[in-house]
């Protein structure tokens, strides 16, 4: 799979087979991802990979907690600004509409939407999950470095025939994650990532992208 194909075929998959992902494949991906760029090569990512019984335990705890309606953990960062101005808010709304429409869920069906959301904490059935932390003393450029690292991981997973779904939703139950992983106190959970083989029977809508001239400005003679 070439780079262009990996980029275009990567998407946030929300339905996985229970087929295990081999440890050597995950090690190969993460070893290569270590070459991701970072300012002054400080490599600000701190990654945990879970499979098997520990992941099953975490899934059960997280799903039960969310299903019981427990309060979210105190935020360590805001996922989105409280007022998401155009065109960003418009794109987010369009994504939500497309996703729930693909699942056959009506806008007013709150219970069905809740059930769909809870699937986040079951990793959408994925047999492997990655949890990425960053040191709380680092700044915005280092958060950008972590984003580049995660994108590299996801593209390498595609090269292995795997899919993924990055999920900031895990930060909402970070204390539940910490009970299993016991990360150092100085780390912030940025996101989780479900990893596995796609279940083709799960419906989805491939979200579009803005036209090039809406996000890119060329300056020059060509």
Protein backbone atom coordinates (compact mmCIF):
# COMPACT_ATOMS: atom_id res chain seq x y z
CA UNK A 1 0.00 0.00 0.00
CA UNK A 2 1.53 3.34 -1.02
CA UNK A 3 1.28 6.50 1.07
CA UNK A 4 -1.53 8.03 -0.98
CA UNK A 5 -3.65 4.91 -0.65
CA UNK A 6 -2.98 4.75 3.09
CA UNK A 7 -4.03 8.38 3.56
CA UNK A 8 -7.19 8.06 1.47
CA UNK A 9 -8.27 4.74 2.97
CA UNK A 10 -7.68 5.78 6.57
CA UNK A 11 -10.89 6.65 8.40
CA UNK A 12 -12.34 6.35 11.86
CA UNK A 13 -13.76 2.82 11.83
CA UNK A 14 -16.54 2.17 14.35
CA UNK A 15 -16.99 -1.55 13.93
CA UNK A 16 -14.25 -4.17 14.33
CA UNK A 17 -13.94 -7.94 14.12
CA UNK A 18 -12.80 -9.78 17.25
CA UNK A 19 -9.82 -11.16 15.30
CA UNK A 20 -6.69 -10.58 17.44
CA UNK A 21 -3.94 -8.22 16.33
CA UNK A 22 -0.53 -9.81 16.61
CA UNK A 23 1.91 -8.25 19.06
CA UNK A 24 4.71 -8.23 16.48
CA UNK A 25 2.54 -6.17 14.12
CA UNK A 26 1.86 -3.56 16.80
CA UNK A 27 5.56 -3.45 17.71
CA UNK A 28 6.50 -2.99 14.06
CA UNK A 29 4.04 -0.12 13.65
CA UNK A 30 5.06 1.69 16.83
CA UNK A 31 8.77 1.20 16.18
CA UNK A 32 8.38 2.90 12.79
CA UNK A 33 6.09 5.60 14.21
CA UNK A 34 8.89 6.60 16.58
CA UNK A 35 10.43 8.35 13.56
CA UNK A 36 7.57 10.88 13.55
CA UNK A 37 8.73 14.51 13.63
CA UNK A 38 8.85 16.47 16.87
CA UNK A 39 10.38 19.82 17.74
CA UNK A 40 14.03 19.34 18.75
CA UNK A 41 13.30 15.59 18.75
CA UNK A 42 11.79 15.63 22.26
CA UNK A 43 9.27 12.90 21.28
CA UNK A 44 6.50 14.01 23.68
CA UNK A 45 4.25 10.97 23.24
CA UNK A 46 3.80 8.41 26.02
CA UNK A 47 1.96 5.40 24.64
CA UNK A 48 0.27 2.42 26.28
CA UNK A 49 -1.06 -0.49 24.24
CA UNK A 50 -3.71 -2.81 25.67
CA UNK A 51 -5.03 -6.16 24.50
CA UNK A 52 -6.55 -9.27 26.06
CA UNK A 53 -7.79 -9.40 29.64
CA UNK A 54 -6.62 -5.90 30.71
CA UNK A 55 -8.47 -4.29 27.79
CA UNK A 56 -11.57 -6.38 28.45
CA UNK A 57 -11.49 -5.22 32.08
CA UNK A 58 -11.20 -1.59 31.04
CA UNK A 59 -14.01 -1.88 28.49
CA UNK A 60 -16.34 -3.38 31.09
CA UNK A 61 -15.55 -0.73 33.70
CA UNK A 62 -15.88 2.17 31.27
CA UNK A 63 -19.11 0.96 29.66
CA UNK A 64 -20.72 0.32 33.05
CA UNK A 65 -19.68 3.73 34.30
CA UNK A 66 -21.07 5.55 31.28
CA UNK A 67 -24.25 3.45 31.22
CA UNK A 68 -24.88 4.35 34.87
CA UNK A 69 -24.70 8.02 33.98
CA UNK A 70 -21.71 8.81 36.22
CA UNK A 71 -20.26 12.30 35.85
CA UNK A 72 -17.33 12.80 33.49
CA UNK A 73 -13.90 13.26 35.01
CA UNK A 74 -12.68 16.82 35.40
CA UNK A 75 -11.37 17.99 32.06
CA UNK A 76 -7.63 18.40 31.58
CA UNK A 77 -8.20 20.06 28.21
CA UNK A 78 -11.20 21.17 26.18
CA UNK A 79 -12.08 19.00 23.19
CA UNK A 80 -13.76 21.87 21.34
CA UNK A 81 -14.26 25.58 22.02
CA UNK A 82 -17.62 26.28 23.66
CA UNK A 83 -18.57 28.44 20.66
CA UNK A 84 -17.35 26.65 17.53
CA UNK A 85 -17.59 29.32 14.83
CA UNK A 86 -18.16 28.71 11.10
CA UNK A 87 -17.04 26.82 9.17
CA UNK A 88 -15.84 24.48 11.92
CA UNK A 89 -19.15 24.16 13.73
CA UNK A 90 -20.92 23.53 10.42
CA UNK A 91 -18.52 20.71 9.58
CA UNK A 92 -18.99 19.14 13.00
CA UNK A 93 -22.78 19.26 12.68
CA UNK A 94 -22.62 17.72 9.22
CA UNK A 95 -20.45 14.89 10.54
CA UNK A 96 -22.93 14.08 13.32
CA UNK A 97 -25.85 14.07 10.90
CA UNK A 98 -24.03 11.77 8.47
CA UNK A 99 -22.91 9.36 11.18
CA UNK A 100 -26.31 8.87 12.81
CA UNK A 101 -28.07 8.71 9.47
CA UNK A 102 -25.80 5.83 8.44
CA UNK A 103 -26.81 4.03 11.64
CA UNK A 104 -30.49 4.68 10.96
CA UNK A 105 -30.82 6.83 14.09
CA UNK A 106 -33.21 9.76 14.00
CA UNK A 107 -32.12 13.11 15.40
CA UNK A 108 -34.75 12.98 18.14
CA UNK A 109 -33.96 9.38 19.19
CA UNK A 110 -31.83 10.27 22.19
CA UNK A 111 -31.67 6.73 23.61
CA UNK A 112 -30.35 5.30 20.36
CA UNK A 113 -27.78 8.06 20.17
CA UNK A 114 -26.66 7.23 23.71
CA UNK A 115 -26.29 3.54 22.83
CA UNK A 116 -24.20 4.47 19.80
CA UNK A 117 -22.02 6.76 21.93
CA UNK A 118 -21.44 4.08 24.58
CA UNK A 119 -19.85 1.90 21.89
CA UNK A 120 -16.84 4.25 22.16
CA UNK A 121 -15.92 2.71 25.49
CA UNK A 122 -16.19 -0.80 24.13
CA UNK A 123 -13.63 0.26 21.49
CA UNK A 124 -16.29 -0.59 18.90
CA UNK A 125 -15.38 -4.23 19.46
CA UNK A 126 -11.68 -3.76 18.64
CA UNK A 127 -9.27 -6.28 20.20
CA UNK A 128 -6.50 -3.72 20.74
CA UNK A 129 -6.35 -0.15 21.98
CA UNK A 130 -3.70 2.51 22.28
CA UNK A 131 -3.76 5.26 24.91
CA UNK A 132 -1.62 8.32 24.26
CA UNK A 133 -0.50 10.60 27.07
CA UNK A 134 1.44 13.87 27.10
CA UNK A 135 3.32 15.52 29.95
CA UNK A 136 1.21 18.30 31.47
CA UNK A 137 4.23 20.65 31.52
CA UNK A 138 4.57 20.65 27.73
CA UNK A 139 3.05 23.28 25.43
CA UNK A 140 0.88 23.57 22.34
CA UNK A 141 3.69 22.76 19.87
CA UNK A 142 4.26 19.45 21.65
CA UNK A 143 0.53 18.64 21.43
CA UNK A 144 0.90 19.19 17.67
CA UNK A 145 3.84 16.76 17.70
CA UNK A 146 1.62 14.15 19.36
CA UNK A 147 -0.96 14.65 16.60
CA UNK A 148 1.68 13.99 13.94
CA UNK A 149 2.75 10.86 15.80
CA UNK A 150 -0.81 9.54 16.00
CA UNK A 151 -1.38 10.18 12.29
CA UNK A 152 1.80 8.26 11.52
CA UNK A 153 0.58 5.36 13.66
CA UNK A 154 -2.77 5.29 11.85
CA UNK A 155 -1.16 5.31 8.39
CA UNK A 156 1.21 2.51 9.35
CA UNK A 157 -1.74 0.50 10.63
CA UNK A 158 -3.32 0.85 7.19
CA UNK A 159 -0.12 -0.50 5.65
CA UNK A 160 -0.62 -3.58 7.83
CA UNK A 161 -4.22 -4.02 6.69
CA UNK A 162 -5.57 -2.67 9.97
CA UNK A 163 -7.96 0.16 10.77
CA UNK A 164 -8.27 2.49 13.74
CA UNK A 165 -10.43 5.07 15.44
CA UNK A 166 -8.83 7.88 17.48
CA UNK A 167 -11.08 8.77 20.41
CA UNK A 168 -10.77 11.83 22.61
CA UNK A 169 -13.84 10.41 24.39
CA UNK A 170 -11.52 8.33 26.55
CA UNK A 171 -10.27 11.52 28.23
CA UNK A 172 -13.75 11.85 29.74
CA UNK A 173 -13.17 8.66 31.77
CA UNK A 174 -9.43 9.11 32.27
CA UNK A 175 -9.58 8.03 35.92
CA UNK A 176 -11.08 4.70 34.90
CA UNK A 177 -8.25 4.26 32.39
CA UNK A 178 -5.71 5.20 35.06
CA UNK A 179 -7.02 2.50 37.38
CA UNK A 180 -5.82 -0.07 34.86
CA UNK A 181 -2.72 1.64 33.42
CA UNK A 182 -1.39 3.52 36.50
CA UNK A 183 0.35 6.26 34.46
CA UNK A 184 2.71 8.71 36.21
CA UNK A 185 0.97 11.66 37.86
CA UNK A 186 2.48 14.19 35.46
CA UNK A 187 0.80 12.79 32.35
CA UNK A 188 -2.46 13.90 30.67
CA UNK A 189 -4.51 11.40 28.68
CA UNK A 190 -5.01 12.95 25.26
CA UNK A 191 -6.89 10.14 23.57
CA UNK A 192 -7.44 6.45 23.09
CA UNK A 193 -7.34 4.65 19.76
CA UNK A 194 -9.23 1.50 18.85
CA UNK A 195 -7.21 -0.82 16.60
CA UNK A 196 -8.20 -3.91 14.65
CA UNK A 197 -9.66 -5.42 11.51
CA UNK A 198 -12.76 -3.71 10.14
CA UNK A 199 -16.13 -5.44 10.41
CA UNK A 200 -17.60 -4.80 6.93
CA UNK A 201 -21.13 -5.52 8.14
CA UNK A 202 -21.24 -2.30 10.18
CA UNK A 203 -22.83 0.59 8.29
CA UNK A 204 -20.95 3.85 7.97
CA UNK A 205 -20.90 7.07 6.00
CA UNK A 206 -17.58 8.22 4.59
CA UNK A 207 -17.45 11.86 5.64
CA UNK A 208 -16.36 14.29 2.97
CA UNK A 209 -13.69 16.95 3.01
CA UNK A 210 -13.78 20.64 2.21
CA UNK A 211 -12.72 21.57 -1.34
CA UNK A 212 -9.04 22.42 -1.66
CA UNK A 213 -9.61 26.13 -2.28
CA UNK A 214 -11.49 26.37 1.02
CA UNK A 215 -8.52 25.26 3.12
CA UNK A 216 -5.43 25.91 0.97
CA UNK A 217 -4.05 29.15 -0.51
CA UNK A 218 -1.35 28.94 -3.16
CA UNK A 219 1.00 31.91 -3.42
CA UNK A 220 3.34 32.01 -6.41
CA UNK A 221 3.57 31.98 -10.21
CA UNK A 222 2.44 28.43 -10.97
